[in-house]
Amino acid sequence: MHDLKNKAILGTVIHCPKRGEIEFSENALVIIDDEGKIVDHLKNDAVNHAQTKNKFKDDGALFELLDHQYLLPGFTDLHIHAPQWPQLGKALDVPLEVWLQKYTFPLEAKYEDEVFARTIYTELVTSLLRAGTTTAVYYGTIHQRANQILADVCIDKGQRAIIGKVVMDNTDQCPDYYRDASTQAAIDGTSEFLEYVKAHGKNIENKVNVAVTPRFIPSCTDEALNALGDLASTHSSYIQTHCSESDWEHNYVIERCGKSDTEALMEYGLLTESTILAHGNFISENDMDLIKEQGAGIAHCPLSNYFFSDAVFPLRRALEKGLRVGLGTDISGGPSASVLDSCRSAITAARALENGTDASLERDERGVPKSRVDFSDAFYLATKGGAEVLNLSTGSFEKGSFLDAILIDTKVDNAIIPVYEDIDSELDLVQKIIMLATTANITKTWISGSSV
């Protein structure tokens, strides 16, 4: 299984500890302690490299990569609707209202069945680990037992995860068959789930945590939103919700609250340094300032934005403003479980925003200048950027970080990435991995040094 605790890895190591600063180290030596943390990262020219390598090799504790294998940080997926896994790739041809009422809510209501929940969640977590997602941020359902099962599966599989019991108590917006029995039941359910995970006997490394999760402002009453803000403060917990995703949501909140989504969340006590805001396509400059001031993070979901969000998130503007941003697949609004696909979609969406899409307009009127991002930005968002949103010591191979990593093999049968040493630079190779790699190229995944 190649567990790496108390061992060292020797080979080509690629990470992006800061935006725009990809580090590519051949013959690097990464040393992991018994907790799965990196205690040293020696480059090939380090004075003690050879001696340290030989020591681990003599002890049978050296894992050596082949020439066509590369160690990358594992991916962080900041926005997943766990119960929507069976719907992946489906119902993308209908309007959002139909998608929700005909497909999504009826599907999520099925998780009252514990056997169904365990079957689906086991397949979901297994699939995401295979795709290199070492940290996942999940929306669950309204069902307490199903959410507990999702936590159990993540703990058993070793995935680092943040899970939320969705709160849906607004009778004006939530269907009769799928909503919390009452506002108090929604708050009590969230509190009970927090306690369940905190007291879980197998969650000894605290890899799994809970997020207070109002689905979005339209699904919740003011009473629930205020109570959730208080609950999150009491428990110092994560918070996750949707924010200014679409025209409808953005305008609904303005009409109901008299202010933007971001401003309303602030008043409810739901905008903190532990908040993950999904989408944010319609946030204003003032909203960005408020998000930055509070230290909240954004889950950029470029693939699902194409289908249901009506606009492109101004990613580069957010990054240059200093906001913390990572990527989300948004299963199943986004029809891919791969963060690599989210990387590629982020690049494409930013390019479309800069160039514009309506050829009938003059070039200078067609797009938004200085909007593009590149593979380096996408790589950062998928790894270190996402980890920083969650305040986790993951996403890079710096000393003190947990060894959450994937092994990329460019010569896997039927998934060859064309790499040629005589014509490809180090950055060319990284770009090819980001633009061409598939789940088939991910041959191993580790979390805290343990093979999963």
Protein backbone atom coordinates (compact mmCIF):
# COMPACT_ATOMS: atom_id res chain seq x y z
CA MET A 1 0.00 0.00 0.00
CA HIS A 2 3.10 2.23 0.34
CA ASP A 3 2.14 4.08 3.53
CA LEU A 4 4.67 6.88 3.97
CA LYS A 5 4.67 7.65 7.68
CA ASN A 6 8.23 7.58 9.04
CA LYS A 7 9.49 7.26 5.47
CA ALA A 8 10.85 9.41 2.66
CA ILE A 9 9.87 9.92 -0.99
CA LEU A 10 12.53 10.41 -3.64
CA GLY A 11 11.64 11.81 -7.05
CA THR A 12 10.26 14.80 -8.95
CA VAL A 13 8.13 16.92 -6.65
CA ILE A 14 5.85 19.70 -7.92
CA HIS A 15 3.88 22.17 -5.81
CA CYS A 16 2.79 25.80 -5.73
CA PRO A 17 3.22 27.18 -2.19
CA LYS A 18 2.35 30.69 -3.37
CA ARG A 19 0.25 31.90 -6.28
CA GLY A 20 2.44 32.18 -9.37
CA GLU A 21 5.38 30.34 -7.80
CA ILE A 22 5.48 26.75 -9.03
CA GLU A 23 8.37 24.79 -7.56
CA PHE A 24 9.65 21.87 -9.64
CA SER A 25 12.32 19.78 -7.90
CA GLU A 26 13.92 16.75 -9.52
CA ASN A 27 15.41 14.10 -7.23
CA ALA A 28 13.88 15.82 -4.21
CA LEU A 29 13.62 14.06 -0.87
CA VAL A 30 10.45 14.58 1.17
CA ILE A 31 10.59 13.19 4.70
CA ILE A 32 7.43 12.33 6.64
CA ASP A 33 7.06 11.74 10.39
CA ASP A 34 4.78 9.34 12.28
CA GLU A 35 1.88 11.82 12.18
CA GLY A 36 2.03 12.16 8.41
CA LYS A 37 3.63 15.61 8.54
CA ILE A 38 6.51 16.76 6.37
CA VAL A 39 9.58 17.32 8.53
CA ASP A 40 11.96 18.11 5.69
CA HIS A 41 11.98 18.74 1.95
CA LEU A 42 15.51 18.42 0.62
CA LYS A 43 16.31 19.53 -2.90
CA ASN A 44 18.91 17.63 -4.90
CA ASP A 45 21.67 20.13 -4.09
CA ALA A 46 21.12 20.06 -0.32
CA VAL A 47 24.33 19.27 1.59
CA ASN A 48 22.79 16.35 3.46
CA HIS A 49 20.71 14.99 0.57
CA ALA A 50 22.82 11.94 -0.30
CA GLN A 51 23.47 10.95 3.30
CA THR A 52 19.79 11.25 4.24
CA LYS A 53 18.65 9.35 1.16
CA ASN A 54 21.06 6.51 1.86
CA LYS A 55 19.93 6.25 5.47
CA PHE A 56 16.27 5.84 4.50
CA LYS A 57 17.23 3.42 1.73
CA ASP A 58 19.29 1.27 4.09
CA ASP A 59 16.36 1.21 6.52
CA GLY A 60 13.95 0.09 3.77
CA ALA A 61 12.01 3.33 4.23
CA LEU A 62 12.59 5.02 0.85
CA PHE A 63 9.80 5.22 -1.74
CA GLU A 64 11.36 6.02 -5.12
CA LEU A 65 9.40 7.44 -8.04
CA LEU A 66 10.05 6.43 -11.63
CA ASP A 67 11.18 8.98 -14.22
CA HIS A 68 7.64 9.39 -15.56
CA GLN A 69 6.03 9.76 -12.13
CA TYR A 70 5.49 13.03 -10.29
CA LEU A 71 4.42 13.87 -6.75
CA LEU A 72 1.78 16.62 -6.52
CA PRO A 73 -0.30 17.84 -3.57
CA GLY A 74 -3.74 16.28 -3.29
CA PHE A 75 -6.70 18.34 -4.46
CA THR A 76 -9.13 20.29 -2.28
CA ASP A 77 -12.73 20.38 -3.53
CA LEU A 78 -14.52 23.20 -1.72
CA HIS A 79 -18.07 22.55 -2.91
CA ILE A 80 -19.77 19.16 -3.30
CA HIS A 81 -23.42 18.20 -2.91
CA ALA A 82 -22.83 14.66 -1.69
CA PRO A 83 -26.40 13.37 -2.19
CA GLN A 84 -26.37 14.49 -5.82
CA TRP A 85 -23.75 11.90 -6.84
CA PRO A 86 -26.37 9.69 -8.62
CA GLN A 87 -27.38 12.74 -10.66
CA LEU A 88 -23.89 13.48 -12.01
CA GLY A 89 -24.07 14.24 -15.74
CA LYS A 90 -27.86 14.33 -15.79
CA ALA A 91 -30.58 16.98 -16.15
CA LEU A 92 -28.18 19.63 -17.42
CA ASP A 93 -30.55 20.52 -20.26
CA VAL A 94 -33.30 21.98 -18.06
CA PRO A 95 -33.75 25.32 -16.25
CA LEU A 96 -32.60 25.58 -12.64
CA GLU A 97 -36.14 25.49 -11.21
CA VAL A 98 -36.88 22.24 -13.05
CA TRP A 99 -33.47 20.84 -12.08
CA LEU A 100 -34.25 21.49 -8.43
CA GLN A 101 -37.93 20.58 -8.22
CA LYS A 102 -38.07 17.62 -10.62
CA TYR A 103 -34.67 16.05 -10.06
CA THR A 104 -32.58 17.36 -7.16
CA PHE A 105 -35.00 17.69 -4.24
CA PRO A 106 -36.70 14.33 -4.93
CA LEU A 107 -33.27 12.69 -5.08
CA GLU A 108 -32.05 14.29 -1.85
CA ALA A 109 -35.28 13.24 -0.11
CA LYS A 110 -34.32 9.58 -0.74
CA TYR A 111 -31.53 9.81 1.84
CA GLU A 112 -34.04 9.11 4.58
CA ASP A 113 -33.23 5.52 3.55
CA GLU A 114 -30.04 4.64 5.44
CA VAL A 115 -29.13 1.73 3.16
CA PHE A 116 -29.40 3.99 0.12
CA ALA A 117 -27.30 6.66 1.84
CA ARG A 118 -24.52 4.26 2.77
CA THR A 119 -24.38 2.75 -0.72
CA ILE A 120 -24.17 6.11 -2.48
CA TYR A 121 -21.81 7.79 -0.04
CA THR A 122 -19.39 4.86 -0.07
CA GLU A 123 -19.22 5.01 -3.86
CA LEU A 124 -18.86 8.81 -3.83
CA VAL A 125 -15.98 8.99 -1.36
CA THR A 126 -14.17 6.08 -3.02
CA SER A 127 -14.50 7.77 -6.42
CA LEU A 128 -13.28 11.14 -5.18
CA LEU A 129 -10.23 9.62 -3.51
CA ARG A 130 -9.47 7.87 -6.77
CA ALA A 131 -9.70 11.27 -8.51
CA GLY A 132 -7.13 12.74 -6.12
CA THR A 133 -9.52 14.71 -3.90
CA THR A 134 -7.83 14.48 -0.53
CA THR A 135 -9.98 17.17 1.10
CA ALA A 136 -13.70 17.44 0.36
CA VAL A 137 -16.28 19.96 1.54
CA TYR A 138 -19.70 18.32 1.48
CA TYR A 139 -23.27 19.49 1.71
CA GLY A 140 -25.33 16.62 3.13
CA THR A 141 -29.11 16.50 3.40
CA ILE A 142 -31.67 17.37 6.08
CA HIS A 143 -31.47 13.78 7.37
CA GLN A 144 -29.44 13.34 10.55
CA ARG A 145 -28.62 9.66 10.11
CA ALA A 146 -27.56 10.08 6.47
CA ASN A 147 -25.17 12.87 7.44
CA GLN A 148 -23.72 10.67 10.17
CA ILE A 149 -23.22 7.90 7.62
CA LEU A 150 -21.34 10.30 5.32
CA ALA A 151 -19.07 11.23 8.23
CA ASP A 152 -18.56 7.55 9.06
CA VAL A 153 -17.59 6.74 5.47
CA CYS A 154 -15.11 9.64 5.26
CA ILE A 155 -13.52 8.60 8.54
CA ASP A 156 -13.33 4.93 7.53
CA LYS A 157 -11.86 5.80 4.11
CA GLY A 158 -9.40 8.32 5.57
CA GLN A 159 -10.58 11.33 3.57
CA ARG A 160 -10.14 14.79 5.03
CA ALA A 161 -13.64 16.27 4.96
CA ILE A 162 -15.93 19.05 6.14
CA ILE A 163 -19.59 18.06 6.17
CA GLY A 164 -22.76 20.04 6.74
CA LYS A 165 -26.33 19.14 7.57
CA VAL A 166 -28.24 21.42 5.21
CA VAL A 167 -30.78 23.71 6.82
CA MET A 168 -33.99 24.24 4.84
CA ASP A 169 -36.78 25.57 7.06
CA ASN A 170 -38.39 28.24 4.87
CA THR A 171 -41.83 26.94 3.91
CA ASP A 172 -42.08 29.52 1.11
CA GLN A 173 -39.10 28.09 -0.77
CA CYS A 174 -38.70 24.44 0.29
CA PRO A 175 -41.07 21.65 -0.82
CA ASP A 176 -43.32 19.97 1.74
CA TYR A 177 -41.64 16.60 1.26
CA TYR A 178 -38.10 17.91 1.71
CA ARG A 179 -37.56 20.47 4.43
CA ASP A 180 -36.82 20.62 8.12
CA ALA A 181 -39.78 19.87 10.37
CA SER A 182 -39.32 23.24 12.06
CA THR A 183 -36.74 25.94 12.61
CA GLN A 184 -35.88 24.50 16.01
CA ALA A 185 -35.51 21.03 14.51
CA ALA A 186 -33.07 22.43 11.95
CA ILE A 187 -30.94 24.10 14.63
CA ASP A 188 -31.07 21.09 16.94
CA GLY A 189 -30.11 18.81 14.06
CA THR A 190 -27.07 20.94 13.26
CA SER A 191 -26.02 21.00 16.91
CA GLU A 192 -26.45 17.24 17.26
CA PHE A 193 -24.37 16.62 14.14
CA LEU A 194 -21.60 18.85 15.48
CA GLU A 195 -21.56 16.78 18.66
CA TYR A 196 -21.68 13.47 16.77
CA VAL A 197 -18.55 14.21 14.77
CA LYS A 198 -16.75 15.79 17.72
CA ALA A 199 -17.35 12.68 19.85
CA HIS A 200 -16.70 10.14 17.07
CA GLY A 201 -14.43 7.45 18.45
CA LYS A 202 -12.62 6.87 15.16
CA ASN A 203 -12.07 10.54 14.26
CA ILE A 204 -8.93 10.63 16.37
CA GLU A 205 -6.93 12.71 13.88
CA ASN A 206 -9.82 15.19 13.46
CA LYS A 207 -9.71 14.81 9.70
CA VAL A 208 -13.51 15.18 9.56
CA ASN A 209 -15.16 18.38 10.76
CA VAL A 210 -18.60 19.96 10.55
CA ALA A 211 -19.77 23.09 8.76
CA VAL A 212 -22.87 24.97 9.82
CA THR A 213 -24.77 24.87 6.52
CA PRO A 214 -27.69 27.10 5.63
CA ARG A 215 -28.27 25.86 2.07
CA PHE A 216 -28.66 29.46 0.99
CA ILE A 217 -30.59 32.43 2.29
CA PRO A 218 -33.76 31.65 0.27
CA SER A 219 -34.10 28.21 1.90
CA CYS A 220 -33.85 29.57 5.45
CA THR A 221 -35.88 31.81 7.73
CA ASP A 222 -34.28 34.79 9.45
CA GLU A 223 -34.70 32.96 12.76
CA ALA A 224 -32.71 30.00 11.47
CA LEU A 225 -29.98 32.14 9.94
CA ASN A 226 -29.46 34.12 13.14
CA ALA A 227 -29.43 30.94 15.23
CA LEU A 228 -26.93 29.29 12.89
CA GLY A 229 -24.64 32.30 13.18
CA ASP A 230 -24.77 31.99 16.97
CA LEU A 231 -24.18 28.23 16.79
CA ALA A 232 -21.16 28.63 14.52
CA SER A 233 -19.70 31.21 16.90
CA THR A 234 -20.26 28.99 19.93
CA HIS A 235 -18.57 25.99 18.31
CA SER A 236 -15.97 27.98 16.30
CA SER A 237 -17.12 25.88 13.38
CA TYR A 238 -16.87 26.16 9.64
CA ILE A 239 -19.77 27.76 7.77
CA GLN A 240 -20.76 27.02 4.19
CA THR A 241 -23.50 28.44 2.01
CA HIS A 242 -24.23 29.66 -1.51
CA CYS A 243 -23.65 33.34 -2.18
CA SER A 244 -24.88 35.42 -5.15
CA GLU A 245 -24.76 32.39 -7.41
CA SER A 246 -27.41 33.37 -9.96
CA ASP A 247 -29.57 36.30 -11.00
CA TRP A 248 -32.50 34.79 -9.14
CA GLU A 249 -30.72 34.16 -5.83
CA HIS A 250 -28.89 37.49 -5.90
CA ASN A 251 -32.06 39.47 -6.58
CA TYR A 252 -34.18 37.42 -4.15
CA VAL A 253 -31.87 38.31 -1.27
CA ILE A 254 -31.81 42.01 -2.20
CA GLU A 255 -35.62 42.06 -2.32
CA ARG A 256 -36.05 40.15 0.95
CA CYS A 257 -33.19 41.62 2.98
CA GLY A 258 -32.64 44.99 1.36
CA LYS A 259 -28.96 44.21 0.89
CA SER A 260 -26.63 41.86 -0.94
CA ASP A 261 -26.08 38.22 -0.05
CA THR A 262 -22.67 39.06 1.43
CA GLU A 263 -24.00 41.92 3.55
CA ALA A 264 -26.91 39.82 4.78
CA LEU A 265 -24.65 36.92 5.74
CA MET A 266 -22.52 39.38 7.68
CA GLU A 267 -25.55 40.55 9.68
CA TYR A 268 -26.57 36.96 10.43
CA GLY A 269 -23.10 36.24 11.83
CA LEU A 270 -22.35 33.87 8.98
CA LEU A 271 -19.44 35.70 7.33
CA THR A 272 -16.25 34.76 9.17
CA GLU A 273 -12.71 33.53 8.48
CA SER A 274 -14.19 30.01 8.57
CA THR A 275 -16.86 30.68 5.93
CA ILE A 276 -16.83 29.03 2.50
CA LEU A 277 -18.99 30.95 0.02
CA ALA A 278 -19.96 28.94 -3.04
CA HIS A 279 -19.96 30.71 -6.43
CA GLY A 280 -20.10 34.47 -5.75
CA ASN A 281 -20.64 35.32 -9.42
CA PHE A 282 -22.64 38.47 -8.71
CA ILE A 283 -20.66 39.91 -5.80
CA SER A 284 -19.81 43.61 -6.04
CA GLU A 285 -16.59 45.43 -5.22
CA ASN A 286 -18.10 46.30 -1.85
CA ASP A 287 -18.94 42.62 -1.30
CA MET A 288 -15.36 41.67 -2.15
CA ASP A 289 -14.06 44.21 0.36
CA LEU A 290 -16.34 42.78 3.04
CA ILE A 291 -15.34 39.18 2.26
CA LYS A 292 -11.67 40.11 2.45
CA GLU A 293 -12.16 42.08 5.66
CA GLN A 294 -13.87 39.12 7.33
CA GLY A 295 -11.37 36.60 5.95
CA ALA A 296 -14.01 34.40 4.31
CA GLY A 297 -13.17 32.22 1.32
CA ILE A 298 -14.80 31.54 -2.04
CA ALA A 299 -15.41 28.19 -3.71
CA HIS A 300 -15.11 28.97 -7.41
CA CYS A 301 -17.23 26.49 -9.37
CA PRO A 302 -16.56 27.30 -13.03
CA LEU A 303 -18.07 24.18 -14.57
CA SER A 304 -21.45 24.40 -12.85
CA ASN A 305 -21.51 28.15 -13.44
CA TYR A 306 -21.76 27.42 -17.16
CA PHE A 307 -25.03 25.58 -16.61
CA PHE A 308 -26.87 27.29 -13.76
CA SER A 309 -25.25 30.52 -12.62
CA ASP A 310 -25.89 32.94 -15.49
CA ALA A 311 -22.44 34.55 -15.29
CA VAL A 312 -18.68 34.06 -14.95
CA PHE A 313 -17.02 34.66 -11.59
CA PRO A 314 -14.36 37.44 -11.83
CA LEU A 315 -11.62 35.14 -10.58
CA ARG A 316 -8.56 37.22 -11.43
CA ARG A 317 -10.08 40.34 -9.89
CA ALA A 318 -10.81 38.43 -6.70
CA LEU A 319 -7.28 37.02 -6.54
CA GLU A 320 -5.64 40.38 -7.19
CA LYS A 321 -7.82 41.89 -4.50
CA GLY A 322 -6.39 39.36 -2.06
CA LEU A 323 -9.44 37.17 -1.54
CA ARG A 324 -8.92 33.54 -0.57
CA VAL A 325 -10.23 31.35 -3.39
CA GLY A 326 -10.23 27.63 -4.17
CA LEU A 327 -12.08 25.37 -6.57
CA GLY A 328 -15.32 23.41 -6.30
CA THR A 329 -16.72 20.77 -8.62
CA ASP A 330 -20.26 21.49 -7.39
CA ILE A 331 -21.43 17.93 -7.98
CA SER A 332 -23.92 17.62 -9.63
CA GLY A 333 -24.52 21.11 -11.04
CA GLY A 334 -21.05 20.56 -12.44
CA PRO A 335 -20.93 17.35 -14.51
CA SER A 336 -17.50 16.19 -13.35
CA ALA A 337 -16.10 14.93 -10.05
CA SER A 338 -12.54 15.82 -11.07
CA VAL A 339 -10.83 18.91 -9.68
CA LEU A 340 -8.57 18.71 -12.73
CA ASP A 341 -11.63 19.43 -14.87
CA SER A 342 -12.39 22.37 -12.58
CA CYS A 343 -8.85 23.64 -13.21
CA ARG A 344 -9.39 23.55 -16.95
CA SER A 345 -12.85 25.10 -16.67
CA ALA A 346 -11.47 27.94 -14.53
CA ILE A 347 -8.91 28.74 -17.22
CA THR A 348 -11.51 28.57 -20.00
CA ALA A 349 -14.11 30.64 -18.14
CA ALA A 350 -11.59 33.38 -17.38
CA ARG A 351 -10.49 33.46 -21.01
CA ALA A 352 -14.13 33.73 -22.14
CA LEU A 353 -14.70 36.58 -19.70
CA GLU A 354 -11.67 38.46 -21.03
CA ASN A 355 -12.37 37.86 -24.72
CA GLY A 356 -16.14 38.09 -24.58
CA THR A 357 -18.50 35.79 -26.44
CA ASP A 358 -20.71 37.98 -28.64
CA ALA A 359 -18.98 38.41 -32.00
CA SER A 360 -21.48 41.09 -33.04
CA LEU A 361 -19.85 43.49 -30.58
CA GLU A 362 -16.67 45.41 -31.27
CA ARG A 363 -13.55 43.84 -29.75
CA ASP A 364 -13.11 46.60 -27.17
CA GLU A 365 -16.71 46.15 -26.01
CA ARG A 366 -16.82 42.37 -26.05
CA GLY A 367 -15.03 41.28 -22.89
CA VAL A 368 -13.59 42.30 -19.54
CA PRO A 369 -9.88 43.20 -19.87
CA LYS A 370 -7.29 41.52 -17.64
CA SER A 371 -9.54 38.63 -16.63
CA ARG A 372 -7.53 35.63 -17.79
CA VAL A 373 -5.76 33.18 -15.49
CA ASP A 374 -3.37 30.40 -16.45
CA PHE A 375 -2.47 26.84 -15.47
CA SER A 376 -0.28 28.09 -12.63
CA ASP A 377 -3.23 29.89 -11.05
CA ALA A 378 -5.45 26.84 -11.50
CA PHE A 379 -2.85 24.54 -9.93
CA TYR A 380 -2.57 26.87 -6.96
CA LEU A 381 -6.35 27.07 -6.50
CA ALA A 382 -6.72 23.29 -6.62
CA THR A 383 -4.08 22.74 -3.95
CA LYS A 384 -2.69 25.44 -1.68
CA GLY A 385 -5.44 27.96 -2.44
CA GLY A 386 -8.20 25.60 -1.37
CA ALA A 387 -6.29 24.56 1.73
CA GLU A 388 -5.83 28.21 2.73
CA VAL A 389 -9.58 28.82 2.43
CA LEU A 390 -10.03 26.05 5.02
CA ASN A 391 -7.08 27.16 7.17
CA LEU A 392 -5.49 23.72 6.74
CA SER A 393 -1.81 22.79 6.73
CA THR A 394 -2.10 20.95 3.43
CA GLY A 395 -1.83 21.75 -0.27
CA SER A 396 1.95 21.97 -0.53
CA PHE A 397 5.12 20.13 0.46
CA GLU A 398 6.39 22.77 2.87
CA LYS A 399 7.76 21.74 6.24
CA GLY A 400 4.97 21.30 8.75
CA SER A 401 2.34 20.45 6.14
CA PHE A 402 0.53 17.14 6.18
CA LEU A 403 1.56 14.83 3.36
CA ASP A 404 -1.68 14.89 1.36
CA ALA A 405 -0.46 13.91 -2.08
CA ILE A 406 -1.11 12.19 -5.37
CA LEU A 407 1.17 10.33 -7.74
CA ILE A 408 0.80 11.34 -11.39
CA ASP A 409 2.05 8.82 -13.95
CA THR A 410 2.35 10.19 -17.50
CA LYS A 411 2.78 6.75 -19.10
CA VAL A 412 -0.33 4.95 -17.92
CA ASP A 413 -1.81 2.74 -20.63
CA ASN A 414 -4.60 4.52 -22.54
CA ALA A 415 -3.86 7.79 -20.71
CA ILE A 416 -0.42 8.77 -21.93
CA ILE A 417 0.55 12.42 -21.48
CA PRO A 418 3.04 13.27 -24.26
CA VAL A 419 6.15 14.51 -22.48
CA TYR A 420 9.45 14.94 -24.35
CA GLU A 421 12.51 15.98 -22.38
CA ASP A 422 14.24 17.54 -25.38
CA ILE A 423 11.40 19.97 -26.14
CA ASP A 424 9.38 20.30 -22.91
CA SER A 425 10.52 22.58 -20.10
CA GLU A 426 9.62 21.96 -16.47
CA LEU A 427 6.70 24.39 -16.71
CA ASP A 428 5.61 22.79 -19.99
CA LEU A 429 5.33 19.50 -18.14
CA VAL A 430 3.28 21.05 -15.33
CA GLN A 431 0.96 22.68 -17.85
CA LYS A 432 0.49 19.36 -19.63
CA ILE A 433 -0.43 17.66 -16.37
CA ILE A 434 -3.00 20.34 -15.52
CA MET A 435 -4.45 20.42 -19.04
CA LEU A 436 -4.28 16.73 -19.98
CA ALA A 437 -4.22 14.50 -16.90
CA THR A 438 -7.23 12.37 -16.04
CA THR A 439 -8.14 10.21 -13.08
CA ALA A 440 -6.37 7.34 -14.85
CA ASN A 441 -3.05 9.18 -14.43
CA ILE A 442 -3.52 9.33 -10.65
CA THR A 443 -2.08 6.01 -9.52
CA LYS A 444 -1.73 6.63 -5.78
CA THR A 445 -3.30 8.92 -3.20
CA TRP A 446 -2.06 9.65 0.32
CA ILE A 447 -3.64 11.57 3.19
CA SER A 448 -1.46 12.38 6.19
CA GLY A 449 1.06 9.96 4.75
CA SER A 450 -1.38 7.04 4.67
CA SER A 451 -2.34 5.38 1.40
CA VAL A 452 -6.07 5.65 0.76
